[in-house]
Protein backbone atom coordinates (compact mmCIF):
# COMPACT_ATOMS: atom_id res chain seq x y z
CA UNK A 1 -27.47 -16.70 15.27
CA UNK A 2 -23.98 -18.18 15.63
CA UNK A 3 -21.53 -16.90 18.25
CA UNK A 4 -19.30 -15.36 15.58
CA UNK A 5 -22.11 -13.52 13.81
CA UNK A 6 -23.40 -12.22 17.14
CA UNK A 7 -19.87 -11.12 18.11
CA UNK A 8 -19.44 -9.25 14.83
CA UNK A 9 -22.82 -7.58 15.31
CA UNK A 10 -21.75 -6.30 18.74
CA UNK A 11 -18.44 -5.07 17.29
CA UNK A 12 -20.27 -3.16 14.55
CA UNK A 13 -22.50 -1.63 17.21
CA UNK A 14 -19.49 0.12 18.79
CA UNK A 15 -17.66 0.71 15.52
CA UNK A 16 -15.34 3.52 16.69
CA UNK A 17 -13.90 1.55 19.61
CA UNK A 18 -13.65 -1.53 17.39
CA UNK A 19 -11.75 0.30 14.65
CA UNK A 20 -9.35 1.95 17.11
CA UNK A 21 -8.63 -1.38 18.79
CA UNK A 22 -8.04 -3.13 15.46
CA UNK A 23 -5.68 -0.31 14.43
CA UNK A 24 -3.67 -0.63 17.65
CA UNK A 25 -3.32 -4.40 17.22
CA UNK A 26 -2.46 -3.97 13.54
CA UNK A 27 0.19 -1.33 14.23
CA UNK A 28 1.96 -3.50 16.79
CA UNK A 29 1.90 -6.66 14.70
CA UNK A 30 2.66 -4.78 11.47
CA UNK A 31 5.76 -3.20 13.01
CA UNK A 32 6.92 -6.57 14.36
CA UNK A 33 6.45 -8.25 10.97
CA UNK A 34 8.22 -5.44 9.13
CA UNK A 35 11.20 -5.50 11.49
CA UNK A 36 11.52 -9.29 11.42
CA UNK A 37 11.17 -9.60 7.65
CA UNK A 38 13.56 -6.78 6.79
CA UNK A 39 16.16 -7.86 9.37
CA UNK A 40 15.99 -11.52 8.34
CA UNK A 41 16.22 -10.84 4.60
CA UNK A 42 18.94 -8.22 5.10
CA UNK A 43 21.08 -10.73 6.98
CA UNK A 44 20.45 -13.35 4.29
CA UNK A 45 21.30 -10.97 1.44
CA UNK A 46 24.44 -9.65 3.13
CA UNK A 47 25.56 -13.18 3.93
CA UNK A 48 24.91 -14.50 0.43
CA UNK A 49 26.89 -11.72 -1.23
CA UNK A 50 30.00 -12.22 0.90
CA UNK A 51 29.90 -16.02 0.66
CA UNK A 52 31.55 -16.01 -2.77
CA UNK A 53 34.50 -13.83 -1.69
CA UNK A 54 37.14 -14.99 0.78
CA UNK A 55 39.29 -11.84 0.94
CA UNK A 56 38.90 -8.24 -0.23
CA UNK A 57 41.99 -6.11 -0.82
CA UNK A 58 41.80 -2.33 -1.15
CA UNK A 59 43.35 0.94 -0.07
CA UNK A 60 44.08 1.47 3.59
CA UNK A 61 41.13 2.77 5.59
CA UNK A 62 38.14 1.33 7.40
CA UNK A 63 37.65 -2.45 6.94
CA UNK A 64 33.87 -2.19 6.94
CA UNK A 65 33.99 0.71 4.49
CA UNK A 66 36.08 -1.42 2.13
CA UNK A 67 33.58 -4.28 2.27
CA UNK A 68 30.53 -2.03 1.87
CA UNK A 69 32.13 -0.31 -1.10
CA UNK A 70 33.56 -3.29 -2.97
CA UNK A 71 30.67 -5.74 -2.43
CA UNK A 72 27.59 -3.57 -1.91
CA UNK A 73 28.57 -0.20 -3.46
CA UNK A 74 27.24 1.57 -0.36
CA UNK A 75 30.26 3.67 0.55
CA UNK A 76 33.10 5.53 -1.13
CA UNK A 77 36.31 3.65 -2.02
CA UNK A 78 39.05 3.61 0.61
CA UNK A 79 41.69 4.33 -2.04
CA UNK A 80 43.62 2.48 -4.74
CA UNK A 81 46.20 -0.29 -4.82
CA UNK A 82 49.00 -1.00 -7.26
CA UNK A 83 48.79 -3.13 -10.37
CA UNK A 84 51.83 -4.99 -9.10
CA UNK A 85 49.80 -6.39 -6.19
CA UNK A 86 47.10 -7.55 -8.61
CA UNK A 87 49.71 -9.33 -10.73
CA UNK A 88 51.22 -11.04 -7.70
CA UNK A 89 47.82 -12.19 -6.45
CA UNK A 90 47.11 -13.76 -9.86
CA UNK A 91 50.32 -15.76 -9.52
CA UNK A 92 49.76 -16.78 -5.89
CA UNK A 93 49.12 -20.57 -5.77
CA UNK A 94 46.63 -20.12 -2.91
CA UNK A 95 44.45 -17.76 -4.96
CA UNK A 96 41.88 -19.54 -7.14
CA UNK A 97 40.53 -16.35 -8.73
CA UNK A 98 41.09 -12.63 -8.43
CA UNK A 99 38.58 -10.07 -9.72
CA UNK A 100 39.66 -6.41 -10.06
CA UNK A 101 37.34 -3.50 -9.41
CA UNK A 102 37.85 0.05 -10.66
CA UNK A 103 35.50 2.64 -9.16
CA UNK A 104 35.17 6.36 -8.67
CA UNK A 105 32.53 7.47 -11.19
CA UNK A 106 28.75 7.33 -11.26
CA UNK A 107 25.85 7.49 -13.66
CA UNK A 108 23.11 9.68 -12.16
CA UNK A 109 23.98 8.34 -8.69
CA UNK A 110 24.48 4.70 -9.71
CA UNK A 111 28.08 3.49 -9.28
CA UNK A 112 30.11 2.65 -12.38
CA UNK A 113 32.20 -0.46 -11.68
CA UNK A 114 35.06 -1.39 -13.96
CA UNK A 115 35.82 -5.10 -13.82
CA UNK A 116 36.29 -8.23 -15.97
CA UNK A 117 33.65 -10.56 -17.48
CA UNK A 118 34.56 -13.24 -14.92
CA UNK A 119 33.00 -10.98 -12.31
CA UNK A 120 29.56 -12.35 -13.26
CA UNK A 121 30.50 -16.03 -12.89
CA UNK A 122 28.21 -17.85 -10.46
CA UNK A 123 25.76 -14.96 -10.07
CA UNK A 124 22.10 -15.79 -10.54
CA UNK A 125 18.83 -13.84 -10.92
CA UNK A 126 16.32 -13.78 -8.09
CA UNK A 127 13.78 -16.00 -9.85
CA UNK A 128 16.14 -18.33 -11.71
CA UNK A 129 16.98 -18.43 -15.38
CA UNK A 130 19.70 -16.51 -17.19
CA UNK A 131 21.58 -13.67 -15.51
CA UNK A 132 21.30 -11.52 -18.62
CA UNK A 133 17.78 -10.34 -19.37
CA UNK A 134 18.98 -8.95 -22.70
CA UNK A 135 22.18 -8.48 -24.67
CA UNK A 136 25.66 -9.75 -23.78
CA UNK A 137 28.52 -9.23 -21.33
CA UNK A 138 30.92 -6.40 -22.23
CA UNK A 139 34.09 -7.33 -24.12
CA UNK A 140 35.68 -3.91 -24.74
CA UNK A 141 36.11 -0.56 -22.97
CA UNK A 142 32.98 1.61 -22.71
CA UNK A 143 30.63 -1.30 -23.29
CA UNK A 144 28.37 -1.61 -20.26
CA UNK A 145 26.07 -4.09 -18.60
CA UNK A 146 23.52 -2.31 -16.41
CA UNK A 147 21.69 -3.64 -13.38
CA UNK A 148 17.94 -4.18 -13.53
CA UNK A 149 17.12 -1.34 -11.14
CA UNK A 150 19.30 1.14 -13.05
CA UNK A 151 17.74 0.11 -16.37
CA UNK A 152 14.25 0.53 -14.92
CA UNK A 153 14.83 3.91 -13.26
CA UNK A 154 16.76 5.45 -16.16
CA UNK A 155 14.68 3.77 -18.92
CA UNK A 156 17.77 2.25 -20.52
CA UNK A 157 17.65 -0.27 -23.36
CA UNK A 158 20.20 -2.02 -25.55
CA UNK A 159 22.10 0.41 -27.77
CA UNK A 160 21.51 3.45 -25.56
CA UNK A 161 24.48 5.67 -24.70
CA UNK A 162 25.17 7.74 -21.60
CA UNK A 163 28.06 9.54 -19.91
CA UNK A 164 29.38 9.08 -16.41
CA UNK A 165 30.23 11.75 -13.87
CA UNK A 166 33.25 12.09 -11.61
CA UNK A 167 32.83 11.06 -7.99
CA UNK A 168 30.93 8.50 -5.98
CA UNK A 169 27.76 10.56 -5.48
CA UNK A 170 25.55 12.13 -8.13
CA UNK A 171 27.24 15.20 -9.62
CA UNK A 172 27.34 17.44 -12.67
CA UNK A 173 31.02 16.81 -13.40
CA UNK A 174 30.33 14.71 -16.51
CA UNK A 175 32.92 12.98 -18.70
CA UNK A 176 31.13 14.03 -21.90
CA UNK A 177 33.99 12.95 -24.18
CA UNK A 178 33.68 9.30 -23.07
CA UNK A 179 30.16 7.94 -23.71
CA UNK A 180 29.24 4.42 -22.59
CA UNK A 181 27.20 2.03 -24.72
CA UNK A 182 24.64 -0.37 -23.20
CA UNK A 183 25.31 -3.88 -24.51
CA UNK A 184 23.61 -5.89 -21.76
CA UNK A 185 20.89 -5.62 -19.12
CA UNK A 186 20.87 -7.90 -16.08
CA UNK A 187 17.82 -9.71 -14.80
CA UNK A 188 16.67 -8.76 -11.31
CA UNK A 189 18.90 -10.44 -8.73
CA UNK A 190 17.71 -8.77 -5.52
CA UNK A 191 21.35 -7.89 -4.76
CA UNK A 192 23.71 -4.96 -5.21
CA UNK A 193 24.11 -5.99 -8.87
CA UNK A 194 20.73 -4.42 -9.58
CA UNK A 195 21.93 -0.90 -8.79
CA UNK A 196 25.31 -0.97 -10.55
CA UNK A 197 26.67 -0.13 -14.00
CA UNK A 198 29.42 -2.56 -15.05
CA UNK A 199 32.07 -2.01 -17.68
CA UNK A 200 35.54 -3.14 -18.69
CA UNK A 201 38.05 -2.05 -16.02
CA UNK A 202 40.14 -0.30 -18.69
CA UNK A 203 37.28 2.16 -19.27
CA UNK A 204 37.96 3.77 -15.90
CA UNK A 205 41.68 4.07 -16.70
CA UNK A 206 40.97 5.69 -20.06
CA UNK A 207 38.53 8.21 -18.56
CA UNK A 208 40.92 9.22 -15.81
CA UNK A 209 43.95 9.40 -18.07
CA UNK A 210 42.31 12.55 -19.44
CA UNK A 211 41.42 14.30 -16.16
CA UNK A 212 39.67 17.63 -15.79
CA UNK A 213 41.22 20.38 -13.67
CA UNK A 214 39.76 19.10 -10.38
CA UNK A 215 41.02 15.58 -11.04
CA UNK A 216 44.46 16.87 -12.05
CA UNK A 217 44.64 18.67 -8.71
CA UNK A 218 43.57 15.51 -6.82
CA UNK A 219 46.16 13.41 -8.65
CA UNK A 220 48.88 15.97 -8.04
CA UNK A 221 48.18 15.99 -4.30
CA UNK A 222 47.99 12.22 -3.95
CA UNK A 223 50.74 11.33 -6.41
CA UNK A 224 48.53 8.54 -7.79
CA UNK A 225 48.33 7.54 -11.43
CA UNK A 226 44.90 5.87 -11.91
CA UNK A 227 46.07 4.05 -15.03
CA UNK A 228 48.49 2.04 -12.87
CA UNK A 229 46.09 1.23 -10.02
CA UNK A 230 42.88 -0.60 -9.24
CA UNK A 231 40.35 0.18 -6.53
CA UNK A 232 39.96 -3.30 -5.03
CA UNK A 233 40.55 -7.00 -5.57
CA UNK A 234 38.05 -9.75 -4.79
CA UNK A 235 39.84 -13.01 -3.99
CA UNK A 236 38.59 -16.56 -3.94
CA UNK A 237 41.11 -18.92 -2.35
CA UNK A 238 41.76 -22.54 -3.21
CA UNK A 239 42.00 -23.18 0.55
CA UNK A 240 39.74 -20.74 2.44
CA UNK A 241 41.43 -21.69 5.72
CA UNK A 242 44.49 -19.74 4.55
CA UNK A 243 42.65 -16.44 4.26
CA UNK A 244 43.72 -15.24 7.72
CA UNK A 245 47.41 -15.81 6.92
CA UNK A 246 47.01 -14.00 3.60
CA UNK A 247 45.22 -11.07 5.27
CA UNK A 248 47.93 -10.81 7.92
CA UNK A 249 50.71 -10.92 5.33
CA UNK A 250 49.16 -8.20 3.14
CA UNK A 251 48.36 -5.90 6.06
CA UNK A 252 51.93 -6.19 7.39
CA UNK A 253 53.94 -5.99 4.17
CA UNK A 254 51.86 -4.17 1.55
CA UNK A 255 50.65 -0.62 1.07
CA UNK A 256 47.12 -2.01 1.08
CA UNK A 257 44.48 -3.42 3.40
CA UNK A 258 43.02 -6.92 3.28
CA UNK A 259 39.88 -8.01 5.13
CA UNK A 260 37.73 -11.11 5.44
CA UNK A 261 34.30 -9.80 4.37
CA UNK A 262 32.25 -12.38 6.26
CA UNK A 263 33.86 -11.21 9.52
CA UNK A 264 33.04 -7.57 8.86
CA UNK A 265 29.43 -8.35 7.95
CA UNK A 266 29.08 -10.47 11.10
CA UNK A 267 30.26 -7.48 13.14
CA UNK A 268 27.82 -5.20 11.32
CA UNK A 269 24.93 -7.54 12.10
CA UNK A 270 25.87 -8.04 15.76
CA UNK A 271 26.77 -4.42 16.51
CA UNK A 272 24.13 -2.52 14.52
CA UNK A 273 21.38 -4.64 12.97
CA UNK A 274 20.65 -6.98 15.90
CA UNK A 275 20.39 -4.20 18.57
CA UNK A 276 18.21 -2.07 16.29
CA UNK A 277 15.99 -5.06 15.59
CA UNK A 278 15.67 -5.71 19.34
CA UNK A 279 14.75 -2.09 20.04
CA UNK A 280 12.09 -1.94 17.32
CA UNK A 281 10.65 -5.29 18.39
CA UNK A 282 10.43 -4.04 21.99
CA UNK A 283 8.41 -1.05 20.76
CA UNK A 284 6.18 -3.37 18.70
CA UNK A 285 5.56 -5.65 21.69
CA UNK A 286 4.65 -2.66 23.87
CA UNK A 287 2.11 -1.56 21.27
CA UNK A 288 0.69 -5.09 21.20
CA UNK A 289 0.37 -5.13 25.01
CA UNK A 290 -1.41 -1.77 24.92
CA UNK A 291 -3.73 -3.19 22.26
CA UNK A 292 -4.50 -6.19 24.46
CA UNK A 293 -5.31 -3.85 27.35
CA UNK A 294 -7.56 -1.90 25.01
CA UNK A 295 -9.45 -5.10 24.21
CA UNK A 296 -9.77 -5.87 27.93
CA UNK A 297 -10.97 -2.38 28.88
CA UNK A 298 -13.30 -2.12 25.89
CA UNK A 299 -15.03 -5.42 26.65
CA UNK A 300 -15.09 -4.68 30.37
CA UNK A 301 -16.97 -1.42 29.75
CA UNK A 302 -19.37 -3.02 27.29
CA UNK A 303 -20.29 -5.70 29.84
CA UNK A 304 -21.71 -2.99 32.08
CA UNK A 305 -23.57 -1.46 29.15
CA UNK A 306 -24.97 -4.87 28.16
CA UNK A 307 -25.89 -6.12 31.62
CA UNK A 308 -29.59 -6.08 30.79
CA UNK A 309 -29.05 -7.85 27.43
CA UNK A 310 -26.98 -10.55 29.12
CA UNK A 311 -29.56 -11.01 31.87
CA UNK A 312 -32.40 -11.32 29.32
CA UNK A 313 -30.33 -13.84 27.32
CA UNK A 314 -29.83 -15.88 30.48
CA UNK A 315 -33.51 -15.67 31.33
CA UNK A 316 -34.38 -16.99 27.88
CA UNK A 317 -32.31 -20.13 28.49
CA UNK A 318 -28.71 -19.29 27.78
CA UNK A 319 -26.29 -20.86 30.24
CA UNK A 320 -23.39 -19.19 32.01
CA UNK A 321 -21.06 -21.10 29.69
CA UNK A 322 -22.91 -19.69 26.66
CA UNK A 323 -22.37 -16.13 27.91
CA UNK A 324 -18.72 -16.79 28.75
CA UNK A 325 -18.14 -18.29 25.31
CA UNK A 326 -19.85 -15.39 23.56
CA UNK A 327 -17.64 -12.76 25.20
CA UNK A 328 -14.53 -14.85 24.50
CA UNK A 329 -15.51 -15.22 20.83
CA UNK A 330 -15.97 -11.45 20.68
CA UNK A 331 -12.43 -10.93 22.00
CA UNK A 332 -11.09 -13.53 19.57
CA UNK A 333 -12.85 -11.85 16.63
CA UNK A 334 -11.51 -8.44 17.62
CA UNK A 335 -7.94 -9.72 18.00
CA UNK A 336 -8.24 -11.80 14.83
CA UNK A 337 -9.29 -8.80 12.75
CA UNK A 338 -6.33 -6.89 14.18
CA UNK A 339 -3.96 -9.74 13.31
CA UNK A 340 -5.22 -9.93 9.71
CA UNK A 341 -4.92 -6.16 9.25
CA UNK A 342 -1.49 -6.19 10.91
CA UNK A 343 -0.21 -8.92 8.60
CA UNK A 344 -1.42 -7.02 5.53
CA UNK A 345 -0.02 -3.75 6.91
CA UNK A 346 3.42 -5.20 7.67
CA UNK A 347 3.92 -6.94 4.35
CA UNK A 348 2.24 -4.11 2.45
CA UNK A 349 4.69 -1.56 3.86
CA UNK A 350 7.60 -3.77 2.75
CA UNK A 351 6.10 -4.10 -0.74
CA UNK A 352 5.62 -0.33 -1.05
CA UNK A 353 9.17 0.42 0.07
CA UNK A 354 10.91 -2.43 -1.80
CA UNK A 355 11.91 -0.33 -4.83
CA UNK A 356 13.28 2.46 -2.65
CA UNK A 357 15.26 0.01 -0.51
CA UNK A 358 16.63 -1.61 -3.69
CA UNK A 359 17.76 1.73 -5.13
CA UNK A 360 19.37 2.89 -1.89
CA UNK A 361 20.88 -0.27 -0.44
CA UNK A 362 20.93 -2.94 -3.14
CA UNK A 363 18.66 -5.21 -1.10
CA UNK A 364 15.32 -6.26 -2.54
CA UNK A 365 13.07 -7.53 0.25
CA UNK A 366 10.60 -10.26 -0.67
CA UNK A 367 7.51 -8.55 0.71
CA UNK A 368 5.23 -11.60 0.85
CA UNK A 369 7.67 -14.16 2.16
CA UNK A 370 6.33 -15.47 5.48
CA UNK A 371 8.95 -16.03 8.16
CA UNK A 372 8.14 -18.84 10.63
CA UNK A 373 8.74 -16.52 13.59
CA UNK A 374 6.07 -14.08 12.43
CA UNK A 375 3.51 -16.91 12.37
CA UNK A 376 4.30 -17.56 16.02
CA UNK A 377 4.05 -13.85 16.88
CA UNK A 378 0.72 -13.51 15.05
CA UNK A 379 -0.63 -16.55 16.92
CA UNK A 380 0.68 -15.08 20.17
CA UNK A 381 -1.04 -11.75 19.52
CA UNK A 382 -4.33 -13.52 18.80
CA UNK A 383 -3.98 -15.62 21.95
CA UNK A 384 -3.17 -12.49 23.97
CA UNK A 385 -6.34 -10.85 22.66
CA UNK A 386 -8.38 -13.88 23.74
CA UNK A 387 -6.76 -13.82 27.18
CA UNK A 388 -7.64 -10.14 27.48
CA UNK A 389 -11.27 -11.10 26.98
CA UNK A 390 -11.30 -13.67 29.78
CA UNK A 391 -11.79 -11.14 32.61
CA UNK A 392 -14.83 -9.47 30.99
CA UNK A 393 -16.13 -12.96 30.13
CA UNK A 394 -15.74 -14.03 33.76
CA UNK A 395 -17.66 -10.94 34.93
CA UNK A 396 -20.45 -11.73 32.49
CA UNK A 397 -20.38 -15.35 33.64
CA UNK A 398 -21.01 -14.34 37.28
CA UNK A 399 -23.68 -11.74 36.51
CA UNK A 400 -26.74 -12.29 38.79
CA UNK A 401 -29.76 -12.54 36.51
CA UNK A 402 -32.57 -11.72 38.95
CA UNK A 403 -30.82 -8.75 40.60
CA UNK A 404 -29.81 -7.31 37.23
CA UNK A 405 -33.36 -7.53 35.80
CA UNK A 406 -34.80 -6.01 38.97
CA UNK A 407 -32.39 -3.07 38.90
CA UNK A 408 -32.62 -2.55 35.15
């Protein structure tokens, strides 16, 4: 019988301890893989989405809130800015392109974004091909292009109609007199596009030029006329190095706020994502260490239970090296099974939660993408399991055959 088959036979013999040890190894490695994969892909997705925008201009408020709202649709708008500023940005020689955004309504919790067809320029689906899975880009008010996740969850198809509701979150304050028509459905991009509903920016003006009583009260208090404002502007500069001067100029002289989105996302990653990743990885590593100790203790106890078997094996011709190797192979098999289960557990959890993460945050994690770091961690966990088996193997190696047989 080979060393591996003999090791597996011994592991089956103490099935409860084996299963519990495998679970502990799998939990530690699975948590580490989940944290690494989600953190890595989140940073990549956030970085990719801001790379096409040099400056974001919106109402005064929190800079990060403005970026999360205008690029990821994860927060409420900070306010509105004047049409005059939009017109001046279009004429600015340093501005290569300016994309308006009008927001404030939702469709069953999905944000409705009023913009222009140029908004989709340069955007690509996750698996290549055409951005539009079906239909066309809107060309008139109340024509909509819906993201892949919205179409899937709400079972939308070309030609369907729906009505939006007032506010950023799901509500029952519907604009029933202004139905939208689905003229296009986007392919899956794995970005915030998947969870948005996109329409001509004038649609939002038309809807809010006929406000209900609550909206009339809001407009009266704020003094804003939505038909003369936009929510945000996305700027691409001909010379990106000038973005800091432009931001400074707008923040000093305009009733608006300008931010460099890549800076805000870098702060988000360094202040929130990186520390949280470190904390969760520390927990995962502690679980892995406990699992290694479990392997050590489990094999150590079994050596005492198998003293007679080991002595008989030695008496039948097995060498000390054979015994040492057998115990080490047993530890390697135990750790290896834990690593395999942990890898499946980690990536399986990501796969199961991918749709929920997409709907909530606009990030679609690639569940089965293997990050190089996780390969190193998995190898390290396996090596740690083997090291944990060295002490029991050494005890078995030094076991006195004659004394053991006499006592047993």
